[in-house]
Amino acid sequence: MTLPDRFDRIRSTPLRLTIILTLIFAVAALGCFTTAYGVVRANLNAAILSDLRQTVATFRQEGEPDELLERLTEAVRVTDPSYRILHYLPDSGPVISNAGDIAPISGTVTLAGDSLGPTDGALAESYLALSARVGAGQLIVGQSRRAIIEMSEIFAAVVLMGLLPAMLIAGLAGLWIARRAQDRIGAIQDALGAMTGGDSTARVRGIAAGNDDLSGIGQAVNAMATAQEALIVTLRQVSTDIAHDLRTPIQRVSVLLDRMARGADLPPAQKTLLLQAQDETTRIGRTFQALLQLAQVEGGAARDRLVPVDLVGVARDVVEFLDVDAETQGLSLTAALPASATVTGDRQLLSQVMVNLIQNAMLHGAEGQTVHLAIATCGPVVTLTVSDHGPGIPADERAKVLRRLYRLDRSRTTPGNGLGLAMVKAVCDLHRARLTLEDNAPGLSVRIAFPPVSADVGTTAQRPHLAQ
């Protein structure tokens, strides 16, 4: 996966929601564990401190100093220092202690076991100690914090063996769900992109059985695409029907004008108008003929004629045919052709594609410029490129010029009917070839990438010969 793809995934809404929800779960869980730990620890500390205060109160009940010392001595003798420590420092006299030397303390503190003086018994890791004045001395009473330490270890184990695996599982599950959601969003984006590019057959796949919001959006997109495709088909059919119905009357008008031009002795001015009418009638007839041919190609009428074709042979014939026209216009028509390049297609339609592209380049090229045709092979893929150094086509207009009858504003005063590139696109779609219009800096470069020769295109694609 490339670095931009990774950034795209990070920017994707499902992944960001997954990360945010996982972080919220982690923060909430850690907050709950921390609160519970704090409450339990505070309760244990309070219980130990209450026990220590009760012990101090018990020793304070001894009124006589000798009885207090005797009781402290007995308590020190029987008390296990690993559980509780007693340390009495009288104002005068020997220290009474089961924990060795203890530095003076004030109030309630936590004492580390290794900070206490040497003693015959084992000491705990740490103590919660209370210092108070009892009789004629200072009494330090401490109780082991083993319960608190064990509780801390239990909470740590719960976090490590419970919370972290749960977060990991939740994160992985969230990533899986986000990946599926992103794939479905990507399918919707791809379908919308294809429809924006002019593919009216594009649909969002894999959403028919879903009842969630993404499936609803995908179904709405498909319904919109179906309605749009039906509208496009209707418009194409209307234009085809008009062309078909008007072709015969236009031909009759052309015949009548031809008879008038031959038989009538007209003044020069009327003769000129008659010739102009003939030219316009001929142009209208060609437009209608092109519309009918375009409808046939879009309807797949030529699909059964697709066979292996040597594209280089077709290109040589086209270049030879148009070379004289290029020289007449002061242009140079060049070609870079390999020995051979086989594609599955219809020779006549492929020839027309090259003619349309080259004539379009010649039409908009200035004197002295070059129109270049190239064929290249990359593995099984064959690429046809026609480039020029004319004014080119703006990026935002390149998809539009592939429509029927669409012409740029600057081209409306030049010969043409706006069907040349539409025919090129229809032939490319028929051949399942990829058509791209690129900037030639300056000029336009039209690139057509043909798929590998396959029997899937056309019913006669397995014929062993090359159509010439």
Foldseek 3Di string as FASTA:
>chain_A
DDPVVVVVLVPDPLLVVLVVVLVVVLVVVVVVLVVVLVVVLVVVVVVQVVVQVVVLVVLQVDDDPVVSVVVLLVCLVPDAQQFKKKWKDAPDDDIRIQFADDDDDAAWDKAASVRTDDHPHDHHRIWTWGWDDHDRTIMIMTGHPVVSVVSVVVSVCCCVVPVVVVSVVSSVVSVVVSVVVVVQVVLVVVQVVVVVLPPLPRARPDLPPDDDPSSVVRVVVRVVSVVVVVVVVVVLVVLLVVLVVCLVVLVVVLVVLVCCLPPPDDDPVVNVVSVVVNVVSVLSNVLSVLSNVLVCLLVLVCQQVWAKAWLLVLVVVLCVVCQVVQVVQQEHEEEAEDPTAIATAHSVLSSLLVNLLQVVQSQQDHHPWYWYWYWDDDPQKIKIKIWTQGQADDPVCVSVLLDFQDDDPVCPVTDDRSCSNVSNVSRLVLQVWDWDWDCPPDTIMIMTMGGGQDCVGHVHHPDPDHDD
